[in-house]
Every structure is written in structure tokens, then in C-alpha cells.
Amino acid sequence: MFQAIIGPVAKLASTWIEGKQKKAQLKSQVELTKLEATKTKIEKDGSWEEKAMSASDSSWKDEAWTLTFIAIILASFVPALQPFMKEGFLFLKNDCPEWISWGILASIGGSFGLKSIAQFRK
């Protein structure tokens, strides 16, 4: 009679332990998959940044945008140019086609190595 009780209890305990082991294995596999996905993303980002840097070695885009921003900032301090600056920015904000705005942002983002320009356009 004692064995009749011990047998099912032992089987139940064995099944419970196996379930716990399988759950732990699945959890480890999920974590490993997440880790591999993160590693792949980091590797892709790194290679993109390296390509962008090597492409900009012989490019004058960075300097052109930097000079453009310096000119805009300096022109903002010249009283005679301020009305023109204001009208230009109002035109870009209100009347400029959206694809031109995105093109400008993409060009600036590419020049300075920014990958996600969407977060700046709000």
C-alpha cells in the first residue's frame, strides 16, 4: 500500500521537475535569441557607421553644411537680413513641400552621420 502511494507521487514530482527544466531551457533560448538579435543590430550599426565615415573622408558635404549653418547664424544677427531670414524660415515651415523638408533633413543627417532623422522632425 505504501508503494501504491509513493509511485504516483514520485511520478508527479518527476513530471514537475521535467516541466521546470523545460521551462528553464526555453527561457534560456529566448534570452539567447534576444542577445543574438542585439549583437546583430550592433554589428549592422557599426558597419553602417564605418561606411558612413569612410564615405565622408573625401566628401565636402560636412563642410558645406557647417558653413551653411554658420552663415545662417551670422545672418540672423545682421538687422538688415533678419526680415529675409524670417520670411525664408516661414516659407520653409509653411509652404515648402514635405518631400523637400525630408530631403534636407536626410542630407544633413547623412552628412553628420545621423541615422534616424525622424526623431528631429516634429
N, C-alpha and C. Protein backbone atom coordinates (compact mmCIF):
# COMPACT_ATOMS: atom_id res chain seq x y z
N MET A 1 0.80 -1.18 0.00
CA MET A 1 0.00 0.00 0.00
C MET A 1 0.86 1.27 0.00
N PHE A 2 1.95 1.19 0.71
CA PHE A 2 2.85 2.34 0.78
C PHE A 2 3.42 2.64 -0.60
N GLN A 3 3.74 1.55 -1.35
CA GLN A 3 4.27 1.74 -2.70
C GLN A 3 3.20 2.28 -3.65
N ALA A 4 1.98 1.98 -3.41
CA ALA A 4 0.90 2.47 -4.25
C ALA A 4 0.77 3.99 -4.13
N ILE A 5 1.12 4.54 -3.02
CA ILE A 5 1.06 6.00 -2.82
C ILE A 5 2.35 6.66 -3.31
N ILE A 6 3.48 6.05 -3.02
CA ILE A 6 4.78 6.60 -3.38
C ILE A 6 4.96 6.68 -4.89
N GLY A 7 4.53 5.67 -5.61
CA GLY A 7 4.71 5.61 -7.07
C GLY A 7 4.10 6.83 -7.77
N PRO A 8 2.80 7.12 -7.59
CA PRO A 8 2.20 8.28 -8.25
C PRO A 8 2.80 9.61 -7.80
N VAL A 9 3.14 9.71 -6.51
CA VAL A 9 3.74 10.95 -6.01
C VAL A 9 5.11 11.16 -6.65
N ALA A 10 5.89 10.09 -6.76
CA ALA A 10 7.21 10.19 -7.39
C ALA A 10 7.07 10.56 -8.86
N LYS A 11 6.08 9.98 -9.54
CA LYS A 11 5.86 10.30 -10.94
C LYS A 11 5.44 11.76 -11.10
N LEU A 12 4.58 12.23 -10.22
CA LEU A 12 4.13 13.62 -10.26
C LEU A 12 5.31 14.56 -10.03
N ALA A 13 6.16 14.24 -9.06
CA ALA A 13 7.34 15.06 -8.78
C ALA A 13 8.28 15.06 -9.97
N SER A 14 8.47 13.90 -10.59
CA SER A 14 9.34 13.78 -11.75
C SER A 14 8.82 14.64 -12.91
N THR A 15 7.52 14.60 -13.14
CA THR A 15 6.90 15.39 -14.21
C THR A 15 7.06 16.88 -13.92
N TRP A 16 6.88 17.27 -12.67
CA TRP A 16 7.01 18.67 -12.28
C TRP A 16 8.44 19.15 -12.51
N ILE A 17 9.42 18.34 -12.14
CA ILE A 17 10.83 18.70 -12.32
C ILE A 17 11.17 18.82 -13.81
N GLU A 18 10.65 17.89 -14.63
CA GLU A 18 10.90 17.95 -16.06
C GLU A 18 10.30 19.22 -16.67
N GLY A 19 9.11 19.59 -16.20
CA GLY A 19 8.47 20.82 -16.68
C GLY A 19 9.29 22.04 -16.34
N LYS A 20 9.81 22.07 -15.12
CA LYS A 20 10.66 23.19 -14.68
C LYS A 20 11.93 23.27 -15.54
N GLN A 21 12.53 22.10 -15.83
CA GLN A 21 13.74 22.07 -16.65
C GLN A 21 13.44 22.57 -18.07
N LYS A 22 12.33 22.13 -18.65
CA LYS A 22 11.97 22.58 -20.00
C LYS A 22 11.70 24.09 -20.01
N LYS A 23 11.04 24.57 -18.98
CA LYS A 23 10.76 26.00 -18.89
C LYS A 23 12.06 26.79 -18.80
N ALA A 24 13.01 26.30 -18.01
CA ALA A 24 14.30 26.97 -17.88
C ALA A 24 15.05 26.95 -19.22
N GLN A 25 14.99 25.82 -19.94
CA GLN A 25 15.65 25.74 -21.24
C GLN A 25 15.03 26.72 -22.23
N LEU A 26 13.70 26.80 -22.27
CA LEU A 26 13.03 27.72 -23.18
C LEU A 26 13.37 29.17 -22.84
N LYS A 27 13.41 29.47 -21.56
CA LYS A 27 13.76 30.82 -21.13
C LYS A 27 15.19 31.16 -21.57
N SER A 28 16.10 30.21 -21.43
CA SER A 28 17.48 30.43 -21.86
C SER A 28 17.55 30.64 -23.38
N GLN A 29 16.77 29.86 -24.13
CA GLN A 29 16.76 30.00 -25.58
C GLN A 29 16.23 31.38 -26.00
N VAL A 30 15.19 31.84 -25.33
CA VAL A 30 14.63 33.15 -25.64
C VAL A 30 15.65 34.24 -25.35
N GLU A 31 16.31 34.16 -24.22
CA GLU A 31 17.33 35.14 -23.86
C GLU A 31 18.49 35.11 -24.84
N LEU A 32 18.90 33.93 -25.25
CA LEU A 32 19.98 33.79 -26.22
C LEU A 32 19.57 34.40 -27.57
N THR A 33 18.35 34.17 -27.99
CA THR A 33 17.85 34.74 -29.24
C THR A 33 17.85 36.26 -29.18
N LYS A 34 17.40 36.81 -28.05
CA LYS A 34 17.41 38.26 -27.88
C LYS A 34 18.83 38.80 -27.91
N LEU A 35 19.74 38.11 -27.27
CA LEU A 35 21.14 38.53 -27.24
C LEU A 35 21.74 38.51 -28.63
N GLU A 36 21.45 37.46 -29.40
CA GLU A 36 21.97 37.36 -30.76
C GLU A 36 21.39 38.46 -31.64
N ALA A 37 20.10 38.77 -31.47
CA ALA A 37 19.48 39.84 -32.25
C ALA A 37 20.12 41.19 -31.93
N THR A 38 20.38 41.43 -30.65
CA THR A 38 21.04 42.67 -30.24
C THR A 38 22.44 42.75 -30.82
N LYS A 39 23.16 41.64 -30.77
CA LYS A 39 24.52 41.61 -31.31
C LYS A 39 24.51 41.90 -32.80
N THR A 40 23.56 41.30 -33.53
CA THR A 40 23.45 41.53 -34.96
C THR A 40 23.16 42.99 -35.26
N LYS A 41 22.27 43.60 -34.48
CA LYS A 41 21.93 45.01 -34.68
C LYS A 41 23.15 45.88 -34.43
N ILE A 42 23.90 45.59 -33.39
CA ILE A 42 25.10 46.36 -33.08
C ILE A 42 26.11 46.22 -34.21
N GLU A 43 26.28 45.01 -34.73
CA GLU A 43 27.21 44.80 -35.82
C GLU A 43 26.78 45.56 -37.06
N LYS A 44 25.47 45.54 -37.37
CA LYS A 44 24.97 46.27 -38.54
C LYS A 44 25.17 47.77 -38.36
N ASP A 45 24.86 48.28 -37.17
CA ASP A 45 25.03 49.70 -36.90
C ASP A 45 26.49 50.09 -37.02
N GLY A 46 27.36 49.26 -36.48
CA GLY A 46 28.78 49.54 -36.55
C GLY A 46 29.26 49.58 -37.99
N SER A 47 28.83 48.63 -38.82
CA SER A 47 29.27 48.62 -40.19
C SER A 47 28.70 49.82 -40.95
N TRP A 48 27.46 50.23 -40.63
CA TRP A 48 26.88 51.41 -41.28
C TRP A 48 27.68 52.64 -40.93
N GLU A 49 28.02 52.79 -39.65
CA GLU A 49 28.79 53.95 -39.22
C GLU A 49 30.17 53.97 -39.86
N GLU A 50 30.80 52.80 -39.95
CA GLU A 50 32.11 52.74 -40.60
C GLU A 50 32.02 53.14 -42.06
N LYS A 51 30.99 52.65 -42.77
CA LYS A 51 30.81 53.02 -44.17
C LYS A 51 30.55 54.51 -44.31
N ALA A 52 29.72 55.05 -43.43
CA ALA A 52 29.42 56.49 -43.49
C ALA A 52 30.68 57.32 -43.25
N MET A 53 31.48 56.90 -42.30
CA MET A 53 32.72 57.63 -42.01
C MET A 53 33.70 57.54 -43.18
N SER A 54 33.87 56.36 -43.76
CA SER A 54 34.80 56.23 -44.87
C SER A 54 34.29 56.97 -46.10
N ALA A 55 32.97 57.02 -46.29
CA ALA A 55 32.42 57.75 -47.43
C ALA A 55 32.59 59.25 -47.26
N SER A 56 32.58 59.73 -46.03
CA SER A 56 32.70 61.17 -45.80
C SER A 56 34.15 61.64 -45.79
N ASP A 57 35.11 60.73 -45.87
CA ASP A 57 36.52 61.13 -45.89
C ASP A 57 36.82 62.07 -47.06
N SER A 58 36.30 61.74 -48.23
CA SER A 58 36.59 62.54 -49.42
C SER A 58 35.43 63.45 -49.80
N SER A 59 34.48 63.63 -48.92
CA SER A 59 33.31 64.42 -49.22
C SER A 59 33.41 65.81 -48.61
N TRP A 60 32.84 66.77 -49.29
CA TRP A 60 32.82 68.14 -48.79
C TRP A 60 31.46 68.51 -48.20
N LYS A 61 30.53 67.53 -48.16
CA LYS A 61 29.18 67.80 -47.65
C LYS A 61 29.20 68.33 -46.22
N ASP A 62 30.00 67.70 -45.37
CA ASP A 62 30.04 68.12 -43.96
C ASP A 62 30.43 69.58 -43.84
N GLU A 63 31.49 69.94 -44.57
CA GLU A 63 31.96 71.32 -44.52
C GLU A 63 30.93 72.28 -45.10
N ALA A 64 30.26 71.86 -46.18
CA ALA A 64 29.25 72.72 -46.80
C ALA A 64 28.10 72.99 -45.84
N TRP A 65 27.61 71.94 -45.16
CA TRP A 65 26.51 72.14 -44.22
C TRP A 65 26.98 72.97 -43.02
N THR A 66 28.19 72.74 -42.55
CA THR A 66 28.70 73.52 -41.43
C THR A 66 28.79 75.00 -41.80
N LEU A 67 29.32 75.29 -42.99
CA LEU A 67 29.40 76.68 -43.44
C LEU A 67 28.01 77.29 -43.63
N THR A 68 27.07 76.49 -44.12
CA THR A 68 25.70 76.97 -44.29
C THR A 68 25.09 77.35 -42.95
N PHE A 69 25.28 76.51 -41.94
CA PHE A 69 24.73 76.82 -40.62
C PHE A 69 25.41 78.04 -40.02
N ILE A 70 26.70 78.17 -40.21
CA ILE A 70 27.41 79.36 -39.71
C ILE A 70 26.86 80.61 -40.39
N ALA A 71 26.64 80.53 -41.71
CA ALA A 71 26.10 81.69 -42.44
C ALA A 71 24.70 82.04 -41.94
N ILE A 72 23.88 81.03 -41.69
CA ILE A 72 22.52 81.28 -41.19
C ILE A 72 22.57 81.95 -39.82
N ILE A 73 23.43 81.44 -38.97
CA ILE A 73 23.54 82.02 -37.62
C ILE A 73 24.04 83.46 -37.69
N LEU A 74 25.07 83.70 -38.50
CA LEU A 74 25.61 85.06 -38.62
C LEU A 74 24.57 86.00 -39.24
N ALA A 75 23.86 85.55 -40.26
CA ALA A 75 22.86 86.40 -40.90
C ALA A 75 21.73 86.76 -39.94
N SER A 76 21.47 85.90 -38.98
CA SER A 76 20.41 86.17 -38.00
C SER A 76 20.76 87.36 -37.11
N PHE A 77 22.04 87.70 -37.02
CA PHE A 77 22.47 88.81 -36.17
C PHE A 77 22.63 90.12 -36.95
N VAL A 78 22.43 90.08 -38.25
CA VAL A 78 22.52 91.30 -39.07
C VAL A 78 21.10 91.85 -39.23
N PRO A 79 20.83 93.02 -38.64
CA PRO A 79 19.46 93.56 -38.67
C PRO A 79 18.88 93.68 -40.08
N ALA A 80 19.67 94.05 -41.06
CA ALA A 80 19.16 94.21 -42.42
C ALA A 80 18.73 92.87 -43.03
N LEU A 81 19.29 91.76 -42.56
CA LEU A 81 18.98 90.44 -43.11
C LEU A 81 17.88 89.72 -42.33
N GLN A 82 17.57 90.18 -41.15
CA GLN A 82 16.61 89.48 -40.31
C GLN A 82 15.22 89.32 -40.94
N PRO A 83 14.68 90.34 -41.63
CA PRO A 83 13.37 90.12 -42.28
C PRO A 83 13.44 89.01 -43.35
N PHE A 84 14.53 88.96 -44.09
CA PHE A 84 14.68 87.92 -45.11
C PHE A 84 14.82 86.53 -44.47
N MET A 85 15.55 86.49 -43.37
CA MET A 85 15.71 85.23 -42.64
C MET A 85 14.34 84.74 -42.14
N LYS A 86 13.58 85.66 -41.57
CA LYS A 86 12.27 85.31 -41.03
C LYS A 86 11.35 84.80 -42.14
N GLU A 87 11.30 85.51 -43.25
CA GLU A 87 10.45 85.09 -44.37
C GLU A 87 10.88 83.74 -44.93
N GLY A 88 12.18 83.53 -45.01
CA GLY A 88 12.69 82.25 -45.52
C GLY A 88 12.29 81.09 -44.62
N PHE A 89 12.43 81.28 -43.32
CA PHE A 89 12.06 80.20 -42.40
C PHE A 89 10.55 79.98 -42.37
N LEU A 90 9.77 81.04 -42.48
CA LEU A 90 8.32 80.87 -42.55
C LEU A 90 7.92 80.12 -43.81
N PHE A 91 8.59 80.42 -44.92
CA PHE A 91 8.31 79.69 -46.16
C PHE A 91 8.65 78.21 -46.00
N LEU A 92 9.82 77.93 -45.44
CA LEU A 92 10.22 76.52 -45.26
C LEU A 92 9.26 75.79 -44.32
N LYS A 93 8.76 76.49 -43.32
CA LYS A 93 7.87 75.85 -42.35
C LYS A 93 6.46 75.64 -42.91
N ASN A 94 5.93 76.64 -43.63
CA ASN A 94 4.52 76.61 -44.02
C ASN A 94 4.27 76.21 -45.47
N ASP A 95 5.13 76.60 -46.38
CA ASP A 95 4.83 76.44 -47.80
C ASP A 95 5.74 75.47 -48.54
N CYS A 96 6.76 75.02 -47.91
CA CYS A 96 7.71 74.11 -48.56
C CYS A 96 7.10 72.71 -48.65
N PRO A 97 7.21 72.05 -49.81
CA PRO A 97 6.71 70.67 -49.89
C PRO A 97 7.42 69.76 -48.88
N GLU A 98 6.65 68.84 -48.34
CA GLU A 98 7.20 67.98 -47.29
C GLU A 98 8.39 67.16 -47.77
N TRP A 99 8.39 66.74 -49.03
CA TRP A 99 9.49 65.92 -49.53
C TRP A 99 10.80 66.71 -49.57
N ILE A 100 10.71 68.03 -49.76
CA ILE A 100 11.93 68.85 -49.73
C ILE A 100 12.45 68.94 -48.30
N SER A 101 11.53 69.12 -47.35
CA SER A 101 11.95 69.16 -45.93
C SER A 101 12.65 67.86 -45.54
N TRP A 102 12.05 66.73 -45.93
CA TRP A 102 12.67 65.44 -45.60
C TRP A 102 14.00 65.27 -46.33
N GLY A 103 14.08 65.77 -47.55
CA GLY A 103 15.34 65.69 -48.29
C GLY A 103 16.44 66.48 -47.62
N ILE A 104 16.08 67.67 -47.14
CA ILE A 104 17.07 68.49 -46.41
C ILE A 104 17.52 67.77 -45.15
N LEU A 105 16.55 67.25 -44.40
CA LEU A 105 16.90 66.53 -43.17
C LEU A 105 17.75 65.29 -43.46
N ALA A 106 17.42 64.56 -44.52
CA ALA A 106 18.20 63.37 -44.87
C ALA A 106 19.62 63.75 -45.26
N SER A 107 19.76 64.82 -46.01
CA SER A 107 21.08 65.27 -46.42
C SER A 107 21.93 65.69 -45.22
N ILE A 108 21.32 66.44 -44.33
CA ILE A 108 22.04 66.86 -43.12
C ILE A 108 22.36 65.64 -42.24
N GLY A 109 21.37 64.76 -42.08
CA GLY A 109 21.59 63.56 -41.26
C GLY A 109 22.69 62.69 -41.83
N GLY A 110 22.69 62.50 -43.14
CA GLY A 110 23.73 61.69 -43.77
C GLY A 110 25.10 62.34 -43.66
N SER A 111 25.11 63.64 -43.76
CA SER A 111 26.38 64.35 -43.69
C SER A 111 27.03 64.25 -42.31
N PHE A 112 26.21 64.31 -41.28
CA PHE A 112 26.73 64.27 -39.93
C PHE A 112 26.61 62.89 -39.28
N GLY A 113 26.20 61.89 -40.05
CA GLY A 113 26.16 60.52 -39.54
C GLY A 113 24.97 60.21 -38.65
N LEU A 114 23.89 60.95 -38.81
CA LEU A 114 22.69 60.69 -38.02
C LEU A 114 21.82 59.72 -38.79
N LYS A 115 21.46 58.59 -38.16
CA LYS A 115 20.69 57.56 -38.85
C LYS A 115 19.20 57.77 -38.78
N SER A 116 18.72 58.32 -37.69
CA SER A 116 17.26 58.45 -37.53
C SER A 116 16.88 59.92 -37.50
N ILE A 117 16.54 60.46 -38.66
CA ILE A 117 16.16 61.86 -38.73
C ILE A 117 14.71 62.07 -38.30
N ALA A 118 13.93 61.00 -38.26
CA ALA A 118 12.51 61.14 -37.93
C ALA A 118 12.30 61.75 -36.54
N GLN A 119 13.19 61.48 -35.61
CA GLN A 119 13.00 61.99 -34.27
C GLN A 119 13.22 63.51 -34.20
N PHE A 120 13.90 64.09 -35.20
CA PHE A 120 14.13 65.53 -35.19
C PHE A 120 13.01 66.30 -35.86
N ARG A 121 12.20 65.64 -36.66
CA ARG A 121 11.15 66.29 -37.44
C ARG A 121 9.83 66.17 -36.70
N LYS A 122 9.50 67.16 -35.87
CA LYS A 122 8.24 67.13 -35.13
C LYS A 122 7.59 68.48 -35.17
